[in-house]
Amino acid sequence: MPYPNDAAAWQNFYVMMGSANAALTGLVFVALSIHLRAVLEHPLLKPRAVIALTVLATQIVMAAIVLTPQSPTLMGIEIFALNASFLVVELRQRRSIAINQASLISFLIRLLYLYSAISLFLGVGGGFYVLAFVIVVTLGRTMASCWALLTALE
């Protein structure tokens, strides 16, 4: 792993991922706007929509953090704070405390984000490799979640 903490080596990847997430965010936002009343009135779809849009926005902000000229230490702090904030939003949107497969996967994904942030902060471990892996996993999972959300509206 020759570039675990070198942001310059990862620039194209984060430009691509930020752009993909921005495009998906726009599409989901428009689709949800078309069905806004149904989403707002449904007790399960509203929190799902909030979480989906929050995940996508978080991914865009994360790409911006990596593309901003700064030290890996500062990136690690920012990525840690962003993901800690996301955990608060996710916990507030949950309907129950019950642990199921989906909530466990979400929690494991957040742990990977926090690990990558700590890795960047300390300059050891997988750094951007771990962050790239978890961003790709999150994008795929969010696309599946958005599809389920939008098909539930029909």
Protein backbone atom coordinates (compact mmCIF):
# COMPACT_ATOMS: atom_id res chain seq x y z
CA MET A 1 0.00 0.00 0.00
CA PRO A 2 2.18 2.83 -1.23
CA TYR A 3 -0.27 5.76 -0.74
CA PRO A 4 -2.40 5.19 2.38
CA ASN A 5 -2.02 8.79 3.59
CA ASP A 6 -1.24 10.74 0.40
CA ALA A 7 -4.33 12.74 -0.58
CA ALA A 8 -2.80 13.84 -3.89
CA ALA A 9 -2.63 10.24 -5.10
CA TRP A 10 -6.37 9.85 -4.43
CA GLN A 11 -7.58 13.10 -6.01
CA ASN A 12 -9.20 11.57 -9.12
CA PHE A 13 -10.98 8.93 -7.07
CA TYR A 14 -12.55 11.54 -4.78
CA VAL A 15 -13.50 13.80 -7.69
CA MET A 16 -15.32 10.82 -9.23
CA MET A 17 -17.00 9.76 -5.97
CA GLY A 18 -18.05 13.30 -5.07
CA SER A 19 -19.53 13.77 -8.54
CA ALA A 20 -21.35 10.43 -8.46
CA ASN A 21 -22.82 11.20 -5.05
CA ALA A 22 -23.83 14.71 -6.10
CA ALA A 23 -25.63 13.36 -9.18
CA LEU A 24 -27.40 10.69 -7.16
CA THR A 25 -28.36 13.24 -4.49
CA GLY A 26 -29.96 15.45 -7.12
CA LEU A 27 -31.92 12.57 -8.63
CA VAL A 28 -33.15 11.35 -5.25
CA PHE A 29 -34.05 14.87 -4.15
CA VAL A 30 -36.16 15.43 -7.28
CA ALA A 31 -37.83 12.01 -6.99
CA LEU A 32 -38.66 12.63 -3.33
CA SER A 33 -39.93 16.12 -4.12
CA ILE A 34 -42.37 14.68 -6.63
CA HIS A 35 -43.77 12.39 -3.91
CA LEU A 36 -43.19 14.78 -1.01
CA ARG A 37 -46.61 14.46 0.62
CA ALA A 38 -46.47 10.65 0.59
CA VAL A 39 -42.96 10.67 2.07
CA LEU A 40 -43.79 13.17 4.81
CA GLU A 41 -46.97 11.35 5.82
CA HIS A 42 -45.43 7.86 5.96
CA PRO A 43 -43.88 6.92 9.33
CA LEU A 44 -41.19 4.67 7.79
CA LEU A 45 -40.42 6.44 4.53
CA LYS A 46 -39.74 9.87 6.06
CA PRO A 47 -36.80 8.71 8.24
CA ARG A 48 -35.48 6.59 5.35
CA ALA A 49 -35.53 9.62 3.07
CA VAL A 50 -33.77 11.78 5.67
CA ILE A 51 -31.07 9.15 6.20
CA ALA A 52 -30.59 8.55 2.45
CA LEU A 53 -30.14 12.25 1.74
CA THR A 54 -27.90 12.65 4.78
CA VAL A 55 -25.69 9.76 3.67
CA LEU A 56 -25.36 11.20 0.17
CA ALA A 57 -24.63 14.70 1.48
CA THR A 58 -22.07 13.25 3.90
CA GLN A 59 -20.33 11.50 1.01
CA ILE A 60 -20.11 14.77 -0.93
CA VAL A 61 -18.70 16.60 2.08
CA MET A 62 -16.18 13.81 2.64
CA ALA A 63 -14.96 14.11 -0.95
CA ALA A 64 -14.65 17.87 -0.45
CA ILE A 65 -12.64 17.32 2.74
CA VAL A 66 -10.19 15.05 0.93
CA LEU A 67 -9.90 17.42 -2.04
CA THR A 68 -9.20 20.44 0.18
CA PRO A 69 -5.45 21.07 0.51
CA GLN A 70 -4.69 20.19 4.13
CA SER A 71 -2.79 17.68 6.21
CA PRO A 72 -4.00 14.09 6.62
CA THR A 73 -4.19 14.81 10.37
CA LEU A 74 -6.72 17.60 9.86
CA MET A 75 -8.62 15.43 7.33
CA GLY A 76 -8.83 12.68 9.92
CA ILE A 77 -10.28 15.08 12.48
CA GLU A 78 -12.83 16.43 9.99
CA ILE A 79 -13.87 12.97 8.77
CA PHE A 80 -14.21 11.79 12.36
CA ALA A 81 -16.40 14.79 13.29
CA LEU A 82 -18.53 14.39 10.17
CA ASN A 83 -19.20 10.72 10.84
CA ALA A 84 -19.85 11.28 14.53
CA SER A 85 -22.44 13.90 13.49
CA PHE A 86 -23.97 11.45 11.05
CA LEU A 87 -24.34 8.89 13.84
CA VAL A 88 -26.37 11.43 15.82
CA VAL A 89 -28.68 12.10 12.83
CA GLU A 90 -29.09 8.39 12.18
CA LEU A 91 -29.91 7.60 15.80
CA ARG A 92 -32.47 10.43 15.94
CA GLN A 93 -34.23 9.09 12.79
CA ARG A 94 -34.47 5.49 13.99
CA ARG A 95 -37.95 4.32 14.93
CA SER A 96 -36.67 1.72 17.37
CA ILE A 97 -33.55 0.71 19.21
CA ALA A 98 -33.89 -2.87 17.93
CA ILE A 99 -30.76 -4.29 16.38
CA ASN A 100 -31.35 -5.90 13.01
CA GLN A 101 -29.11 -6.74 10.09
CA ALA A 102 -29.47 -3.31 8.45
CA SER A 103 -28.69 -1.37 11.63
CA LEU A 104 -25.72 -3.62 12.34
CA ILE A 105 -24.33 -3.04 8.83
CA SER A 106 -24.81 0.73 9.25
CA PHE A 107 -22.98 0.64 12.55
CA LEU A 108 -20.09 -1.38 11.07
CA ILE A 109 -19.83 1.07 8.17
CA ARG A 110 -19.63 4.00 10.61
CA LEU A 111 -16.93 2.15 12.56
CA LEU A 112 -14.92 1.79 9.33
CA TYR A 113 -15.29 5.52 8.66
CA LEU A 114 -14.12 6.29 12.19
CA TYR A 115 -11.21 3.83 11.81
CA SER A 116 -10.14 5.49 8.55
CA ALA A 117 -10.34 8.92 10.21
CA ILE A 118 -8.19 7.76 13.12
CA SER A 119 -5.79 6.12 10.66
CA LEU A 120 -5.40 9.40 8.76
CA PHE A 121 -5.04 11.34 12.00
CA LEU A 122 -2.31 9.06 13.33
CA GLY A 123 -0.68 8.41 9.94
CA VAL A 124 -0.77 4.62 10.39
CA GLY A 125 -3.06 1.90 9.05
CA GLY A 126 -4.98 1.85 5.81
CA GLY A 127 -5.92 5.53 5.66
CA PHE A 128 -7.31 6.37 2.24
CA TYR A 129 -7.55 2.69 1.24
CA VAL A 130 -10.02 2.01 4.05
CA LEU A 131 -11.86 5.26 3.35
CA ALA A 132 -12.13 4.45 -0.37
CA PHE A 133 -13.45 0.96 0.38
CA VAL A 134 -16.10 2.20 2.78
CA ILE A 135 -17.16 5.03 0.44
CA VAL A 136 -17.73 2.57 -2.41
CA VAL A 137 -19.66 0.23 -0.10
CA THR A 138 -21.74 3.15 1.16
CA LEU A 139 -22.53 4.34 -2.37
CA GLY A 140 -23.75 0.88 -3.38
CA ARG A 141 -25.77 0.46 -0.20
CA THR A 142 -27.28 3.92 -0.54
CA MET A 143 -28.27 3.28 -4.16
CA ALA A 144 -30.06 0.10 -3.07
CA SER A 145 -31.73 1.96 -0.20
CA CYS A 146 -32.86 4.79 -2.47
CA TRP A 147 -34.27 2.30 -4.96
CA ALA A 148 -36.21 0.56 -2.18
CA LEU A 149 -37.46 3.93 -0.94
CA LEU A 150 -38.61 5.09 -4.38
CA THR A 151 -40.26 1.79 -5.28
CA ALA A 152 -42.11 1.85 -1.95
CA LEU A 153 -43.60 5.18 -3.01
CA GLU A 154 -45.20 3.54 -6.03
